[in-house]
Amino acid sequence: MRKTTVMKNITPFPGPVLGTSNDVVPLSCHDRMHFDPAPLTRLFAERDTQAAEDVVCRMLEDIAMRLDMLQRARDEHAFANMDRPAQRIGVVADQMGLAEVAVAVDHVRRCLLQQDWIALDATMARLERGFDIAVSEVWGVRDL
């Protein structure tokens, strides 16, 4: 006959948190991509198609290059090297009407400022997803 024992939890868990700390900053994240097509529509109206596509390609390549810089700096824990490329991504994203990318990169910069490396990973992932979606959104503009 085998004797069974039941393990009892003897570790007391803290009670629920009643209020939020001033150290907690909620970052709102929308379910849909926010994209303002007006800047790119204006660009395609002012230039011939090839010239406008060249400008868009350069801008997307600039964001992609700086996103790569952010990823490498994060992987190397060189957090001090992340603000400038993040700032540049925000400027270019605003110029292109990529509102969701601009908001995500602003949140990345806030995480850097607060030295919140866990939140940084989450916001970097959102920035990367936002950029991936933005690339296809951008090319839909020339069909308008």
N, C-alpha and C. Protein backbone atom coordinates (compact mmCIF):
# COMPACT_ATOMS: atom_id res chain seq x y z
N MET A 1 0.83 -1.16 0.00
CA MET A 1 0.00 0.00 0.00
C MET A 1 0.89 1.25 0.00
N ARG A 2 0.61 2.17 -0.90
CA ARG A 2 1.42 3.37 -1.07
C ARG A 2 0.80 4.54 -0.32
N LYS A 3 1.64 5.24 0.40
CA LYS A 3 1.17 6.38 1.16
C LYS A 3 1.29 7.64 0.30
N THR A 4 0.25 8.42 0.19
CA THR A 4 0.28 9.65 -0.60
C THR A 4 0.29 10.84 0.35
N THR A 5 0.98 11.84 -0.09
CA THR A 5 1.00 13.09 0.68
C THR A 5 0.56 14.21 -0.22
N VAL A 6 -0.07 15.15 0.35
CA VAL A 6 -0.51 16.32 -0.39
C VAL A 6 0.39 17.48 0.00
N MET A 7 0.95 18.11 -1.00
CA MET A 7 1.82 19.25 -0.74
C MET A 7 0.96 20.47 -0.46
N LYS A 8 1.26 21.14 0.60
CA LYS A 8 0.51 22.33 0.96
C LYS A 8 1.35 23.56 0.65
N ASN A 9 0.67 24.57 0.17
CA ASN A 9 1.34 25.83 -0.13
C ASN A 9 1.53 26.58 1.18
N ILE A 10 2.76 26.76 1.55
CA ILE A 10 3.04 27.47 2.80
C ILE A 10 3.62 28.86 2.55
N THR A 11 3.70 29.23 1.28
CA THR A 11 4.23 30.54 0.93
C THR A 11 3.08 31.54 0.90
N PRO A 12 3.10 32.53 1.76
CA PRO A 12 2.02 33.53 1.71
C PRO A 12 2.22 34.44 0.50
N PHE A 13 1.17 34.67 -0.23
CA PHE A 13 1.22 35.56 -1.38
C PHE A 13 0.71 36.94 -0.95
N PRO A 14 1.28 37.98 -1.54
CA PRO A 14 0.80 39.32 -1.17
C PRO A 14 -0.63 39.52 -1.67
N GLY A 15 -1.35 40.38 -0.98
CA GLY A 15 -2.71 40.69 -1.37
C GLY A 15 -2.74 41.49 -2.66
N PRO A 16 -3.92 41.72 -3.20
CA PRO A 16 -4.04 42.48 -4.44
C PRO A 16 -3.62 43.93 -4.24
N VAL A 17 -3.13 44.51 -5.29
CA VAL A 17 -2.72 45.91 -5.26
C VAL A 17 -3.96 46.77 -5.40
N LEU A 18 -4.17 47.67 -4.49
CA LEU A 18 -5.38 48.47 -4.50
C LEU A 18 -5.26 49.70 -5.38
N GLY A 19 -4.13 50.31 -5.43
CA GLY A 19 -3.94 51.51 -6.24
C GLY A 19 -2.74 51.33 -7.14
N THR A 20 -2.60 52.19 -8.11
CA THR A 20 -1.43 52.11 -8.97
C THR A 20 -0.36 53.04 -8.45
N SER A 21 0.84 52.67 -8.71
CA SER A 21 1.99 53.46 -8.30
C SER A 21 2.23 54.58 -9.31
N ASN A 22 2.88 55.63 -8.89
CA ASN A 22 3.25 56.68 -9.81
C ASN A 22 4.33 56.22 -10.77
N ASP A 23 4.96 55.09 -10.47
CA ASP A 23 6.00 54.56 -11.34
C ASP A 23 5.43 53.83 -12.54
N VAL A 24 4.15 53.52 -12.50
CA VAL A 24 3.50 52.78 -13.58
C VAL A 24 2.92 53.77 -14.56
N VAL A 25 3.32 53.64 -15.82
CA VAL A 25 2.79 54.51 -16.86
C VAL A 25 2.05 53.64 -17.86
N PRO A 26 0.74 53.82 -17.97
CA PRO A 26 0.00 53.01 -18.95
C PRO A 26 0.32 53.47 -20.37
N LEU A 27 0.58 52.52 -21.23
CA LEU A 27 0.85 52.81 -22.63
C LEU A 27 -0.33 52.26 -23.44
N SER A 28 -1.08 53.13 -24.08
CA SER A 28 -2.24 52.66 -24.82
C SER A 28 -1.79 52.08 -26.16
N CYS A 29 -2.38 50.96 -26.47
CA CYS A 29 -2.04 50.27 -27.72
C CYS A 29 -3.34 49.96 -28.44
N HIS A 30 -3.45 50.41 -29.65
CA HIS A 30 -4.67 50.22 -30.43
C HIS A 30 -4.61 48.90 -31.19
N ASP A 31 -5.79 48.35 -31.48
CA ASP A 31 -5.86 47.07 -32.18
C ASP A 31 -5.61 47.21 -33.67
N ARG A 32 -5.85 48.39 -34.20
CA ARG A 32 -5.69 48.60 -35.64
C ARG A 32 -4.53 49.53 -35.92
N MET A 33 -4.03 49.40 -37.11
CA MET A 33 -2.94 50.27 -37.56
C MET A 33 -3.50 51.66 -37.83
N HIS A 34 -2.91 52.68 -37.24
CA HIS A 34 -3.32 54.05 -37.51
C HIS A 34 -2.37 54.62 -38.54
N PHE A 35 -2.94 55.01 -39.66
CA PHE A 35 -2.15 55.45 -40.79
C PHE A 35 -2.87 56.63 -41.42
N ASP A 36 -2.15 57.71 -41.60
CA ASP A 36 -2.70 58.89 -42.26
C ASP A 36 -2.16 58.92 -43.69
N PRO A 37 -2.98 58.62 -44.68
CA PRO A 37 -2.47 58.56 -46.05
C PRO A 37 -2.19 59.93 -46.68
N ALA A 38 -2.60 61.02 -46.03
CA ALA A 38 -2.47 62.35 -46.63
C ALA A 38 -1.03 62.71 -47.04
N PRO A 39 0.00 62.51 -46.20
CA PRO A 39 1.35 62.90 -46.64
C PRO A 39 1.82 62.14 -47.89
N LEU A 40 1.52 60.86 -47.95
CA LEU A 40 1.96 60.09 -49.12
C LEU A 40 1.09 60.38 -50.34
N THR A 41 -0.17 60.63 -50.13
CA THR A 41 -1.05 61.01 -51.25
C THR A 41 -0.55 62.31 -51.87
N ARG A 42 -0.18 63.25 -51.00
CA ARG A 42 0.36 64.54 -51.47
C ARG A 42 1.67 64.32 -52.23
N LEU A 43 2.53 63.45 -51.72
CA LEU A 43 3.80 63.16 -52.37
C LEU A 43 3.57 62.59 -53.77
N PHE A 44 2.65 61.63 -53.89
CA PHE A 44 2.38 61.03 -55.19
C PHE A 44 1.69 62.00 -56.14
N ALA A 45 0.96 62.99 -55.61
CA ALA A 45 0.31 63.99 -56.45
C ALA A 45 1.32 65.02 -56.97
N GLU A 46 2.35 65.32 -56.16
CA GLU A 46 3.33 66.35 -56.52
C GLU A 46 4.42 65.84 -57.45
N ARG A 47 4.70 64.55 -57.44
CA ARG A 47 5.81 63.99 -58.22
C ARG A 47 5.30 62.90 -59.13
N ASP A 48 6.12 62.60 -60.11
CA ASP A 48 5.74 61.45 -60.95
C ASP A 48 5.89 60.18 -60.11
N THR A 49 5.25 59.12 -60.56
CA THR A 49 5.17 57.89 -59.78
C THR A 49 6.54 57.35 -59.39
N GLN A 50 7.48 57.32 -60.33
CA GLN A 50 8.80 56.76 -60.05
C GLN A 50 9.54 57.57 -59.00
N ALA A 51 9.49 58.89 -59.12
CA ALA A 51 10.18 59.75 -58.14
C ALA A 51 9.55 59.59 -56.75
N ALA A 52 8.23 59.53 -56.69
CA ALA A 52 7.55 59.37 -55.41
C ALA A 52 7.89 58.01 -54.80
N GLU A 53 7.91 56.97 -55.61
CA GLU A 53 8.26 55.64 -55.11
C GLU A 53 9.70 55.60 -54.60
N ASP A 54 10.60 56.32 -55.26
CA ASP A 54 11.99 56.39 -54.81
C ASP A 54 12.08 57.04 -53.42
N VAL A 55 11.32 58.13 -53.23
CA VAL A 55 11.32 58.81 -51.93
C VAL A 55 10.77 57.88 -50.85
N VAL A 56 9.67 57.21 -51.15
CA VAL A 56 9.06 56.29 -50.18
C VAL A 56 10.03 55.16 -49.84
N CYS A 57 10.68 54.62 -50.86
CA CYS A 57 11.66 53.54 -50.62
C CYS A 57 12.79 54.01 -49.70
N ARG A 58 13.31 55.21 -49.97
CA ARG A 58 14.39 55.73 -49.12
C ARG A 58 13.93 55.92 -47.68
N MET A 59 12.71 56.41 -47.51
CA MET A 59 12.19 56.64 -46.17
C MET A 59 11.98 55.30 -45.43
N LEU A 60 11.42 54.32 -46.12
CA LEU A 60 11.22 53.00 -45.50
C LEU A 60 12.56 52.33 -45.19
N GLU A 61 13.53 52.48 -46.10
CA GLU A 61 14.87 51.93 -45.84
C GLU A 61 15.51 52.61 -44.64
N ASP A 62 15.29 53.92 -44.50
CA ASP A 62 15.83 54.66 -43.36
C ASP A 62 15.25 54.11 -42.05
N ILE A 63 13.93 53.92 -42.03
CA ILE A 63 13.30 53.37 -40.83
C ILE A 63 13.84 51.96 -40.56
N ALA A 64 13.91 51.14 -41.61
CA ALA A 64 14.38 49.75 -41.43
C ALA A 64 15.81 49.71 -40.90
N MET A 65 16.67 50.58 -41.43
CA MET A 65 18.06 50.61 -40.98
C MET A 65 18.14 51.02 -39.50
N ARG A 66 17.37 52.03 -39.12
CA ARG A 66 17.41 52.49 -37.73
C ARG A 66 16.72 51.50 -36.79
N LEU A 67 15.73 50.79 -37.29
CA LEU A 67 15.11 49.74 -36.49
C LEU A 67 16.11 48.62 -36.23
N ASP A 68 16.92 48.32 -37.23
CA ASP A 68 17.98 47.33 -37.06
C ASP A 68 19.00 47.81 -36.02
N MET A 69 19.33 49.11 -36.06
CA MET A 69 20.24 49.67 -35.07
C MET A 69 19.68 49.53 -33.66
N LEU A 70 18.36 49.78 -33.53
CA LEU A 70 17.72 49.62 -32.22
C LEU A 70 17.78 48.18 -31.74
N GLN A 71 17.50 47.25 -32.64
CA GLN A 71 17.51 45.83 -32.26
C GLN A 71 18.90 45.39 -31.82
N ARG A 72 19.92 45.80 -32.58
CA ARG A 72 21.28 45.42 -32.21
C ARG A 72 21.70 46.03 -30.89
N ALA A 73 21.38 47.30 -30.68
CA ALA A 73 21.74 47.96 -29.42
C ALA A 73 21.02 47.30 -28.24
N ARG A 74 19.76 46.95 -28.43
CA ARG A 74 19.03 46.27 -27.36
C ARG A 74 19.66 44.91 -27.06
N ASP A 75 19.99 44.16 -28.11
CA ASP A 75 20.59 42.84 -27.92
C ASP A 75 21.94 42.91 -27.22
N GLU A 76 22.67 44.02 -27.45
CA GLU A 76 23.98 44.20 -26.83
C GLU A 76 23.89 44.97 -25.50
N HIS A 77 22.67 45.28 -25.07
CA HIS A 77 22.44 46.05 -23.85
C HIS A 77 23.11 47.41 -23.90
N ALA A 78 23.21 47.96 -25.10
CA ALA A 78 23.78 49.30 -25.30
C ALA A 78 22.63 50.30 -25.37
N PHE A 79 21.89 50.41 -24.28
CA PHE A 79 20.67 51.20 -24.26
C PHE A 79 20.93 52.68 -24.53
N ALA A 80 22.09 53.15 -24.21
CA ALA A 80 22.43 54.57 -24.44
C ALA A 80 22.49 54.89 -25.93
N ASN A 81 22.66 53.87 -26.76
CA ASN A 81 22.76 54.08 -28.21
C ASN A 81 21.41 53.97 -28.91
N MET A 82 20.33 53.90 -28.17
CA MET A 82 19.03 53.64 -28.78
C MET A 82 18.19 54.89 -29.01
N ASP A 83 18.43 55.96 -28.27
CA ASP A 83 17.53 57.11 -28.36
C ASP A 83 17.60 57.82 -29.71
N ARG A 84 18.79 58.06 -30.22
CA ARG A 84 18.92 58.79 -31.49
C ARG A 84 18.25 58.07 -32.66
N PRO A 85 18.51 56.76 -32.86
CA PRO A 85 17.80 56.09 -33.96
C PRO A 85 16.29 56.06 -33.74
N ALA A 86 15.87 55.93 -32.47
CA ALA A 86 14.43 55.92 -32.19
C ALA A 86 13.82 57.28 -32.53
N GLN A 87 14.51 58.34 -32.17
CA GLN A 87 14.03 59.68 -32.48
C GLN A 87 13.90 59.87 -33.99
N ARG A 88 14.87 59.41 -34.73
CA ARG A 88 14.84 59.54 -36.20
C ARG A 88 13.68 58.74 -36.80
N ILE A 89 13.43 57.54 -36.28
CA ILE A 89 12.31 56.75 -36.76
C ILE A 89 11.01 57.53 -36.55
N GLY A 90 10.87 58.17 -35.40
CA GLY A 90 9.67 58.95 -35.12
C GLY A 90 9.47 60.09 -36.10
N VAL A 91 10.55 60.78 -36.43
CA VAL A 91 10.47 61.90 -37.37
C VAL A 91 10.02 61.40 -38.75
N VAL A 92 10.66 60.36 -39.24
CA VAL A 92 10.33 59.84 -40.57
C VAL A 92 8.92 59.26 -40.59
N ALA A 93 8.55 58.55 -39.53
CA ALA A 93 7.20 57.98 -39.45
C ALA A 93 6.15 59.08 -39.48
N ASP A 94 6.39 60.17 -38.76
CA ASP A 94 5.46 61.31 -38.80
C ASP A 94 5.36 61.89 -40.21
N GLN A 95 6.49 62.03 -40.89
CA GLN A 95 6.49 62.58 -42.24
C GLN A 95 5.70 61.71 -43.21
N MET A 96 5.69 60.39 -42.95
CA MET A 96 5.00 59.47 -43.84
C MET A 96 3.55 59.22 -43.44
N GLY A 97 3.14 59.70 -42.28
CA GLY A 97 1.79 59.46 -41.81
C GLY A 97 1.63 58.14 -41.08
N LEU A 98 2.73 57.54 -40.66
CA LEU A 98 2.70 56.25 -39.95
C LEU A 98 2.50 56.51 -38.46
N ALA A 99 1.28 56.86 -38.11
CA ALA A 99 0.97 57.28 -36.75
C ALA A 99 1.26 56.18 -35.73
N GLU A 100 0.91 54.95 -36.04
CA GLU A 100 1.11 53.85 -35.08
C GLU A 100 2.60 53.62 -34.84
N VAL A 101 3.41 53.72 -35.88
CA VAL A 101 4.86 53.56 -35.72
C VAL A 101 5.42 54.70 -34.87
N ALA A 102 4.94 55.91 -35.13
CA ALA A 102 5.40 57.07 -34.35
C ALA A 102 5.04 56.93 -32.88
N VAL A 103 3.84 56.45 -32.58
CA VAL A 103 3.42 56.26 -31.19
C VAL A 103 4.26 55.16 -30.54
N ALA A 104 4.46 54.06 -31.25
CA ALA A 104 5.24 52.95 -30.69
C ALA A 104 6.68 53.38 -30.41
N VAL A 105 7.27 54.15 -31.30
CA VAL A 105 8.66 54.58 -31.06
C VAL A 105 8.71 55.59 -29.92
N ASP A 106 7.66 56.37 -29.74
CA ASP A 106 7.60 57.27 -28.59
C ASP A 106 7.57 56.45 -27.29
N HIS A 107 6.84 55.34 -27.31
CA HIS A 107 6.79 54.47 -26.14
C HIS A 107 8.14 53.79 -25.90
N VAL A 108 8.84 53.44 -26.97
CA VAL A 108 10.19 52.88 -26.83
C VAL A 108 11.09 53.90 -26.14
N ARG A 109 11.01 55.14 -26.58
CA ARG A 109 11.84 56.18 -25.98
C ARG A 109 11.49 56.40 -24.51
N ARG A 110 10.21 56.30 -24.18
CA ARG A 110 9.80 56.45 -22.78
C ARG A 110 10.37 55.30 -21.94
N CYS A 111 10.36 54.10 -22.48
CA CYS A 111 10.93 52.95 -21.76
C CYS A 111 12.42 53.15 -21.55
N LEU A 112 13.10 53.69 -22.54
CA LEU A 112 14.53 53.97 -22.40
C LEU A 112 14.77 55.01 -21.30
N LEU A 113 13.97 56.05 -21.30
CA LEU A 113 14.11 57.10 -20.30
C LEU A 113 13.89 56.56 -18.90
N GLN A 114 12.92 55.65 -18.76
CA GLN A 114 12.61 55.08 -17.45
C GLN A 114 13.47 53.87 -17.12
N GLN A 115 14.30 53.46 -18.06
CA GLN A 115 15.16 52.28 -17.90
C GLN A 115 14.34 51.04 -17.54
N ASP A 116 13.24 50.88 -18.23
CA ASP A 116 12.34 49.73 -18.03
C ASP A 116 12.58 48.75 -19.16
N TRP A 117 13.50 47.82 -18.94
CA TRP A 117 13.96 46.94 -20.01
C TRP A 117 12.91 45.89 -20.39
N ILE A 118 12.06 45.51 -19.47
CA ILE A 118 10.99 44.55 -19.78
C ILE A 118 9.98 45.21 -20.71
N ALA A 119 9.55 46.41 -20.34
CA ALA A 119 8.61 47.14 -21.20
C ALA A 119 9.26 47.48 -22.54
N LEU A 120 10.57 47.71 -22.54
CA LEU A 120 11.27 47.99 -23.78
C LEU A 120 11.14 46.84 -24.75
N ASP A 121 11.29 45.62 -24.28
CA ASP A 121 11.14 44.46 -25.16
C ASP A 121 9.75 44.41 -25.77
N ALA A 122 8.73 44.67 -24.96
CA ALA A 122 7.35 44.63 -25.44
C ALA A 122 7.08 45.73 -26.45
N THR A 123 7.55 46.94 -26.17
CA THR A 123 7.29 48.04 -27.09
C THR A 123 8.12 47.91 -28.36
N MET A 124 9.30 47.35 -28.25
CA MET A 124 10.10 47.08 -29.46
C MET A 124 9.37 46.08 -30.36
N ALA A 125 8.79 45.06 -29.76
CA ALA A 125 8.04 44.07 -30.55
C ALA A 125 6.86 44.75 -31.24
N ARG A 126 6.18 45.64 -30.53
CA ARG A 126 5.05 46.37 -31.14
C ARG A 126 5.53 47.28 -32.25
N LEU A 127 6.67 47.93 -32.06
CA LEU A 127 7.24 48.79 -33.10
C LEU A 127 7.57 47.96 -34.34
N GLU A 128 8.17 46.81 -34.14
CA GLU A 128 8.53 45.95 -35.27
C GLU A 128 7.28 45.48 -36.03
N ARG A 129 6.25 45.06 -35.30
CA ARG A 129 5.00 44.63 -35.95
C ARG A 129 4.35 45.80 -36.68
N GLY A 130 4.36 46.97 -36.04
CA GLY A 130 3.77 48.16 -36.66
C GLY A 130 4.48 48.53 -37.95
N PHE A 131 5.78 48.42 -37.96
CA PHE A 131 6.53 48.74 -39.17
C PHE A 131 6.23 47.73 -40.27
N ASP A 132 6.16 46.46 -39.92
CA ASP A 132 5.83 45.44 -40.92
C ASP A 132 4.48 45.72 -41.58
N ILE A 133 3.49 46.08 -40.77
CA ILE A 133 2.17 46.39 -41.31
C ILE A 133 2.21 47.67 -42.11
N ALA A 134 2.97 48.65 -41.64
CA ALA A 134 3.05 49.95 -42.32
C ALA A 134 3.60 49.82 -43.72
N VAL A 135 4.54 48.92 -43.93
CA VAL A 135 5.12 48.76 -45.26
C VAL A 135 4.03 48.42 -46.28
N SER A 136 3.14 47.50 -45.95
CA SER A 136 2.09 47.15 -46.90
C SER A 136 1.05 48.27 -47.00
N GLU A 137 0.79 48.98 -45.91
CA GLU A 137 -0.15 50.10 -45.95
C GLU A 137 0.35 51.20 -46.88
N VAL A 138 1.63 51.48 -46.80
CA VAL A 138 2.23 52.54 -47.60
C VAL A 138 2.05 52.29 -49.09
N TRP A 139 2.26 51.06 -49.52
CA TRP A 139 2.17 50.77 -50.94
C TRP A 139 0.72 50.73 -51.43
N GLY A 140 -0.23 50.65 -50.52
CA GLY A 140 -1.64 50.74 -50.91
C GLY A 140 -2.05 52.17 -51.27
N VAL A 141 -1.27 53.15 -50.84
CA VAL A 141 -1.59 54.56 -51.10
C VAL A 141 -1.52 54.90 -52.57
N ARG A 142 -0.57 54.36 -53.27
CA ARG A 142 -0.43 54.76 -54.68
C ARG A 142 -1.59 54.25 -55.52
N ASP A 143 -2.37 53.31 -54.97
CA ASP A 143 -3.54 52.82 -55.70
C ASP A 143 -4.77 53.68 -55.48
N LEU A 144 -4.67 54.68 -54.58
CA LEU A 144 -5.83 55.54 -54.29
C LEU A 144 -6.12 56.47 -55.43
